[in-house]
C-alpha atoms as a PDB file:
ATOM      1  CA  UNK A   1      28.576  29.561 -24.701  1.00  0.00           C
ATOM      2  CA  UNK A   2      24.913  28.757 -25.078  1.00  0.00           C
ATOM      3  CA  UNK A   3      22.865  27.870 -22.018  1.00  0.00           C
ATOM      4  CA  UNK A   4      21.571  24.318 -21.668  1.00  0.00           C
ATOM      5  CA  UNK A   5      18.048  25.635 -21.930  1.00  0.00           C
ATOM      6  CA  UNK A   6      15.734  27.955 -20.101  1.00  0.00           C
ATOM      7  CA  UNK A   7      15.135  27.264 -16.435  1.00  0.00           C
ATOM      8  CA  UNK A   8      11.845  25.528 -15.705  1.00  0.00           C
ATOM      9  CA  UNK A   9       8.962  27.920 -15.307  1.00  0.00           C
ATOM     10  CA  UNK A  10       7.739  28.269 -11.770  1.00  0.00           C
ATOM     11  CA  UNK A  11       4.202  29.008 -10.906  1.00  0.00           C
ATOM     12  CA  UNK A  12       3.631  31.018  -7.794  1.00  0.00           C
ATOM     13  CA  UNK A  13       2.309  30.020  -4.411  1.00  0.00           C
ATOM     14  CA  UNK A  14       3.454  26.422  -4.235  1.00  0.00           C
ATOM     15  CA  UNK A  15       0.891  25.202  -6.760  1.00  0.00           C
ATOM     16  CA  UNK A  16       3.467  22.764  -8.186  1.00  0.00           C
ATOM     17  CA  UNK A  17       3.640  21.076  -4.796  1.00  0.00           C
ATOM     18  CA  UNK A  18      -0.147  21.044  -4.587  1.00  0.00           C
ATOM     19  CA  UNK A  19      -0.455  19.376  -7.990  1.00  0.00           C
ATOM     20  CA  UNK A  20       2.151  16.766  -7.061  1.00  0.00           C
ATOM     21  CA  UNK A  21       0.418  16.078  -3.736  1.00  0.00           C
ATOM     22  CA  UNK A  22      -2.992  15.698  -5.379  1.00  0.00           C
ATOM     23  CA  UNK A  23      -1.546  13.262  -7.912  1.00  0.00           C
ATOM     24  CA  UNK A  24       0.178  11.287  -5.135  1.00  0.00           C
ATOM     25  CA  UNK A  25      -3.116  11.006  -3.247  1.00  0.00           C
ATOM     26  CA  UNK A  26      -4.940   9.892  -6.408  1.00  0.00           C
ATOM     27  CA  UNK A  27      -2.326   7.206  -6.986  1.00  0.00           C
ATOM     28  CA  UNK A  28      -2.479   6.163  -3.323  1.00  0.00           C
ATOM     29  CA  UNK A  29      -6.198   5.464  -3.574  1.00  0.00           C
ATOM     30  CA  UNK A  30      -5.551   3.447  -6.720  1.00  0.00           C
ATOM     31  CA  UNK A  31      -2.936   1.333  -4.945  1.00  0.00           C
ATOM     32  CA  UNK A  32      -5.304   0.838  -2.036  1.00  0.00           C
ATOM     33  CA  UNK A  33      -8.142  -0.277  -4.300  1.00  0.00           C
ATOM     34  CA  UNK A  34      -9.294  -3.852  -3.917  1.00  0.00           C
ATOM     35  CA  UNK A  35      -8.135  -4.091  -0.304  1.00  0.00           C
ATOM     36  CA  UNK A  36      -9.940  -3.263   2.936  1.00  0.00           C
ATOM     37  CA  UNK A  37      -9.044  -3.205   6.625  1.00  0.00           C
ATOM     38  CA  UNK A  38      -9.451  -6.603   8.248  1.00  0.00           C
ATOM     39  CA  UNK A  39      -8.968  -8.545   4.999  1.00  0.00           C
ATOM     40  CA  UNK A  40      -6.757 -11.641   5.014  1.00  0.00           C
ATOM     41  CA  UNK A  41      -3.849 -11.536   2.553  1.00  0.00           C
ATOM     42  CA  UNK A  42      -0.996 -13.810   1.510  1.00  0.00           C
ATOM     43  CA  UNK A  43       2.480 -12.320   1.167  1.00  0.00           C
ATOM     44  CA  UNK A  44       4.423 -12.726  -2.083  1.00  0.00           C
ATOM     45  CA  UNK A  45       7.491 -11.404  -3.890  1.00  0.00           C
ATOM     46  CA  UNK A  46       9.313 -10.271  -0.750  1.00  0.00           C
ATOM     47  CA  UNK A  47      13.091 -10.214  -0.419  1.00  0.00           C
ATOM     48  CA  UNK A  48      12.782 -12.052   2.899  1.00  0.00           C
ATOM     49  CA  UNK A  49      11.920 -15.459   1.428  1.00  0.00           C
ATOM     50  CA  UNK A  50      10.580 -16.971   4.657  1.00  0.00           C
ATOM     51  CA  UNK A  51       7.739 -14.410   4.670  1.00  0.00           C
ATOM     52  CA  UNK A  52       6.494 -15.368   1.193  1.00  0.00           C
ATOM     53  CA  UNK A  53       3.328 -17.460   1.418  1.00  0.00           C
ATOM     54  CA  UNK A  54       2.542 -16.402   4.990  1.00  0.00           C
ATOM     55  CA  UNK A  55      -0.887 -14.990   5.804  1.00  0.00           C
ATOM     56  CA  UNK A  56      -1.675 -11.739   7.527  1.00  0.00           C
ATOM     57  CA  UNK A  57      -4.495  -9.333   8.234  1.00  0.00           C
ATOM     58  CA  UNK A  58      -4.644  -5.767   6.899  1.00  0.00           C
ATOM     59  CA  UNK A  59      -4.597  -3.334   9.805  1.00  0.00           C
ATOM     60  CA  UNK A  60      -4.402   0.120   8.208  1.00  0.00           C
ATOM     61  CA  UNK A  61      -3.391   1.957   5.030  1.00  0.00           C
ATOM     62  CA  UNK A  62      -0.599   4.543   5.134  1.00  0.00           C
ATOM     63  CA  UNK A  63      -1.209   7.032   2.314  1.00  0.00           C
ATOM     64  CA  UNK A  64       2.197   8.648   2.874  1.00  0.00           C
ATOM     65  CA  UNK A  65       4.248   5.478   2.332  1.00  0.00           C
ATOM     66  CA  UNK A  66       1.638   3.810   0.066  1.00  0.00           C
ATOM     67  CA  UNK A  67       1.843   0.657   2.196  1.00  0.00           C
ATOM     68  CA  UNK A  68      -0.516  -1.491   4.241  1.00  0.00           C
ATOM     69  CA  UNK A  69       0.266  -2.351   7.852  1.00  0.00           C
ATOM     70  CA  UNK A  70      -0.121  -6.136   7.904  1.00  0.00           C
ATOM     71  CA  UNK A  71      -0.393  -8.124  11.167  1.00  0.00           C
ATOM     72  CA  UNK A  72       1.261 -11.470  10.434  1.00  0.00           C
ATOM     73  CA  UNK A  73      -0.279 -14.727  11.676  1.00  0.00           C
ATOM     74  CA  UNK A  74       1.522 -16.587  14.418  1.00  0.00           C
ATOM     75  CA  UNK A  75       2.483 -13.495  16.389  1.00  0.00           C
ATOM     76  CA  UNK A  76       5.302 -12.538  14.005  1.00  0.00           C
ATOM     77  CA  UNK A  77       4.498  -8.851  14.318  1.00  0.00           C
ATOM     78  CA  UNK A  78       3.353  -6.130  11.963  1.00  0.00           C
ATOM     79  CA  UNK A  79       4.994  -5.243   8.641  1.00  0.00           C
ATOM     80  CA  UNK A  80       4.496  -2.317   6.250  1.00  0.00           C
ATOM     81  CA  UNK A  81       4.012  -3.863   2.810  1.00  0.00           C
ATOM     82  CA  UNK A  82       3.247  -2.607  -0.696  1.00  0.00           C
ATOM     83  CA  UNK A  83      -0.026  -3.756  -2.267  1.00  0.00           C
ATOM     84  CA  UNK A  84       2.000  -5.438  -5.032  1.00  0.00           C
ATOM     85  CA  UNK A  85       3.264  -7.907  -2.396  1.00  0.00           C
ATOM     86  CA  UNK A  86      -0.218  -8.810  -1.125  1.00  0.00           C
ATOM     87  CA  UNK A  87      -2.728 -11.311  -2.510  1.00  0.00           C
ATOM     88  CA  UNK A  88      -6.303 -11.015  -1.148  1.00  0.00           C
ATOM     89  CA  UNK A  89      -7.585 -14.259   0.406  1.00  0.00           C
ATOM     90  CA  UNK A  90     -11.153 -13.184   1.368  1.00  0.00           C
ATOM     91  CA  UNK A  91     -13.171 -14.376  -1.604  1.00  0.00           C
ATOM     92  CA  UNK A  92     -16.459 -14.434   0.319  1.00  0.00           C
ATOM     93  CA  UNK A  93     -15.990 -11.203   2.249  1.00  0.00           C
ATOM     94  CA  UNK A  94     -16.449 -10.780   6.026  1.00  0.00           C
ATOM     95  CA  UNK A  95     -18.282 -14.087   6.541  1.00  0.00           C
ATOM     96  CA  UNK A  96     -15.196 -16.059   5.565  1.00  0.00           C
ATOM     97  CA  UNK A  97     -13.030 -13.837   7.764  1.00  0.00           C
ATOM     98  CA  UNK A  98     -15.236 -14.545  10.793  1.00  0.00           C
ATOM     99  CA  UNK A  99     -15.051 -18.267  10.115  1.00  0.00           C
ATOM    100  CA  UNK A 100     -11.252 -18.105  10.292  1.00  0.00           C
ATOM    101  CA  UNK A 101     -11.282 -16.323  13.649  1.00  0.00           C
ATOM    102  CA  UNK A 102     -13.352 -19.023  15.394  1.00  0.00           C
END
């Protein structure tokens, strides 16, 4: 019986893992693009319907999970959310953010 095909070629020294990791990091920066720590965002497209439309503040970016830590308004805690579920609300930058805090 014929084999299903040759086994995948392996390069030595873990370079496959290195290439995958570099690509993951490149993608992570792309996902992060357009957002910055401290920005106000609206939540959308979440499975938990009551969270959709709520506002939160970006706390930090996790490049491993490709998610932002978002502190929800009203003391509802912090959630790890994908950029696809976040809509930036700071059109004027930090000045608008400061105005909301006061």
